[in-house]
Each structure stands twice: as structure tokens, then as C-alpha cells.
Amino acid sequence: LKVARERSGDILSTPGEMEAVKRAYEKKMRDLEEENEILKKAMHIFTQPKP
């Protein structure tokens, strides 16, 4: 089953391998979304006009 490839070029042939890669990418996406929210809040704080 040639559905996905890792960066190394290895073919992921089992559903278990594909699920593990999917979970890893989903975790990375959640981490990036969380980091993005933190950065948005920081930008909001630093771009406020000074009294």
C-alpha cells in the first residue's frame, strides 16, 4: 500500500505505521497551533499603544 512516504523515502506499508505517522503529525500540528496562539497574544500585548 503506497499511501504515504516518510521524509526518508521509506514506504509506509502497514496501517499501524501510517497511524503512528498520522498521530505524530497531529501532535505537531496541535503544538504549532498552541505556539501560534501564544505568539498572537504576545503580539497583541506588545502592539498596544503606551498610555
N, C-alpha and C. Protein backbone atom coordinates (compact mmCIF):
# COMPACT_ATOMS: atom_id res chain seq x y z
N LEU A 1 0.86 -1.18 0.00
CA LEU A 1 0.00 0.00 0.00
C LEU A 1 0.89 1.23 0.00
N LYS A 2 0.93 1.97 -1.10
CA LYS A 2 1.79 3.15 -1.21
C LYS A 2 0.95 4.40 -1.01
N VAL A 3 0.59 4.66 0.24
CA VAL A 3 -0.29 5.80 0.53
C VAL A 3 0.52 7.00 0.99
N ALA A 4 1.51 6.77 1.82
CA ALA A 4 2.28 7.88 2.38
C ALA A 4 3.75 7.53 2.38
N ARG A 5 4.58 8.56 2.38
CA ARG A 5 6.03 8.36 2.45
C ARG A 5 6.58 9.20 3.57
N GLU A 6 7.55 8.64 4.27
CA GLU A 6 8.26 9.42 5.27
C GLU A 6 9.31 10.25 4.54
N ARG A 7 9.92 11.18 5.24
CA ARG A 7 10.94 12.02 4.60
C ARG A 7 12.12 11.19 4.13
N SER A 8 12.38 10.09 4.78
CA SER A 8 13.50 9.24 4.38
C SER A 8 13.22 8.53 3.07
N GLY A 9 11.96 8.54 2.65
CA GLY A 9 11.60 7.89 1.40
C GLY A 9 11.08 6.48 1.59
N ASP A 10 11.06 6.00 2.83
CA ASP A 10 10.54 4.66 3.08
C ASP A 10 9.03 4.65 2.88
N ILE A 11 8.55 3.58 2.29
CA ILE A 11 7.11 3.46 2.06
C ILE A 11 6.48 2.89 3.33
N LEU A 12 5.43 3.53 3.78
CA LEU A 12 4.70 3.05 4.95
C LEU A 12 3.69 2.03 4.46
N SER A 13 3.89 0.77 4.84
CA SER A 13 3.06 -0.26 4.24
C SER A 13 2.00 -0.82 5.17
N THR A 14 2.10 -0.57 6.46
CA THR A 14 1.09 -1.14 7.34
C THR A 14 0.21 -0.04 7.92
N PRO A 15 -1.02 -0.39 8.22
CA PRO A 15 -1.91 0.61 8.84
C PRO A 15 -1.33 1.14 10.16
N GLY A 16 -0.64 0.30 10.92
CA GLY A 16 -0.04 0.74 12.17
C GLY A 16 1.02 1.80 11.95
N GLU A 17 1.86 1.60 10.93
CA GLU A 17 2.89 2.60 10.62
C GLU A 17 2.25 3.91 10.19
N MET A 18 1.24 3.83 9.35
CA MET A 18 0.57 5.04 8.87
C MET A 18 -0.12 5.76 10.02
N GLU A 19 -0.72 5.01 10.94
CA GLU A 19 -1.41 5.62 12.09
C GLU A 19 -0.41 6.31 13.00
N ALA A 20 0.75 5.71 13.20
CA ALA A 20 1.78 6.31 14.06
C ALA A 20 2.27 7.63 13.46
N VAL A 21 2.48 7.66 12.16
CA VAL A 21 2.93 8.88 11.50
C VAL A 21 1.82 9.93 11.58
N LYS A 22 0.59 9.51 11.37
CA LYS A 22 -0.55 10.43 11.45
C LYS A 22 -0.64 11.06 12.84
N ARG A 23 -0.52 10.24 13.89
CA ARG A 23 -0.57 10.76 15.26
C ARG A 23 0.56 11.75 15.51
N ALA A 24 1.75 11.44 15.02
CA ALA A 24 2.89 12.34 15.21
C ALA A 24 2.64 13.68 14.54
N TYR A 25 2.11 13.65 13.31
CA TYR A 25 1.83 14.91 12.61
C TYR A 25 0.68 15.68 13.28
N GLU A 26 -0.31 14.97 13.80
CA GLU A 26 -1.41 15.64 14.50
C GLU A 26 -0.90 16.33 15.77
N LYS A 27 0.02 15.67 16.49
CA LYS A 27 0.59 16.27 17.69
C LYS A 27 1.41 17.51 17.32
N LYS A 28 2.18 17.39 16.26
CA LYS A 28 2.99 18.54 15.82
C LYS A 28 2.07 19.70 15.44
N MET A 29 0.96 19.41 14.78
CA MET A 29 0.01 20.45 14.39
C MET A 29 -0.59 21.12 15.62
N ARG A 30 -0.97 20.33 16.62
CA ARG A 30 -1.51 20.91 17.86
C ARG A 30 -0.47 21.79 18.54
N ASP A 31 0.78 21.32 18.58
CA ASP A 31 1.84 22.12 19.20
C ASP A 31 2.03 23.44 18.46
N LEU A 32 2.01 23.40 17.14
CA LEU A 32 2.17 24.63 16.36
C LEU A 32 0.99 25.57 16.54
N GLU A 33 -0.22 25.02 16.62
CA GLU A 33 -1.40 25.87 16.85
C GLU A 33 -1.31 26.54 18.21
N GLU A 34 -0.86 25.81 19.22
CA GLU A 34 -0.71 26.38 20.56
C GLU A 34 0.35 27.48 20.56
N GLU A 35 1.47 27.21 19.91
CA GLU A 35 2.53 28.22 19.82
C GLU A 35 2.02 29.46 19.09
N ASN A 36 1.24 29.26 18.04
CA ASN A 36 0.69 30.38 17.28
C ASN A 36 -0.20 31.25 18.17
N GLU A 37 -1.04 30.62 18.99
CA GLU A 37 -1.92 31.38 19.88
C GLU A 37 -1.10 32.19 20.89
N ILE A 38 -0.04 31.60 21.42
CA ILE A 38 0.82 32.31 22.37
C ILE A 38 1.45 33.52 21.69
N LEU A 39 1.94 33.33 20.47
CA LEU A 39 2.56 34.44 19.74
C LEU A 39 1.56 35.53 19.41
N LYS A 40 0.32 35.15 19.07
CA LYS A 40 -0.72 36.15 18.80
C LYS A 40 -0.97 37.01 20.04
N LYS A 41 -1.06 36.36 21.21
CA LYS A 41 -1.28 37.09 22.45
C LYS A 41 -0.12 38.02 22.75
N ALA A 42 1.10 37.55 22.53
CA ALA A 42 2.28 38.38 22.78
C ALA A 42 2.29 39.58 21.83
N MET A 43 1.97 39.36 20.57
CA MET A 43 1.93 40.47 19.62
C MET A 43 0.89 41.49 20.03
N HIS A 44 -0.25 41.01 20.50
CA HIS A 44 -1.32 41.91 20.93
C HIS A 44 -0.84 42.78 22.09
N ILE A 45 -0.14 42.17 23.03
CA ILE A 45 0.37 42.91 24.19
C ILE A 45 1.39 43.95 23.76
N PHE A 46 2.32 43.56 22.89
CA PHE A 46 3.40 44.46 22.50
C PHE A 46 2.99 45.53 21.50
N THR A 47 1.84 45.36 20.87
CA THR A 47 1.40 46.37 19.90
C THR A 47 0.37 47.32 20.48
N GLN A 48 0.06 47.17 21.75
CA GLN A 48 -0.87 48.10 22.40
C GLN A 48 -0.20 49.46 22.54
N PRO A 49 -0.96 50.53 22.30
CA PRO A 49 -0.38 51.87 22.48
C PRO A 49 -0.03 52.09 23.95
N LYS A 50 1.08 52.75 24.17
CA LYS A 50 1.51 53.01 25.55
C LYS A 50 0.73 54.20 26.10
N PRO A 51 0.28 54.09 27.35
CA PRO A 51 -0.52 55.18 27.94
C PRO A 51 0.32 56.41 28.24
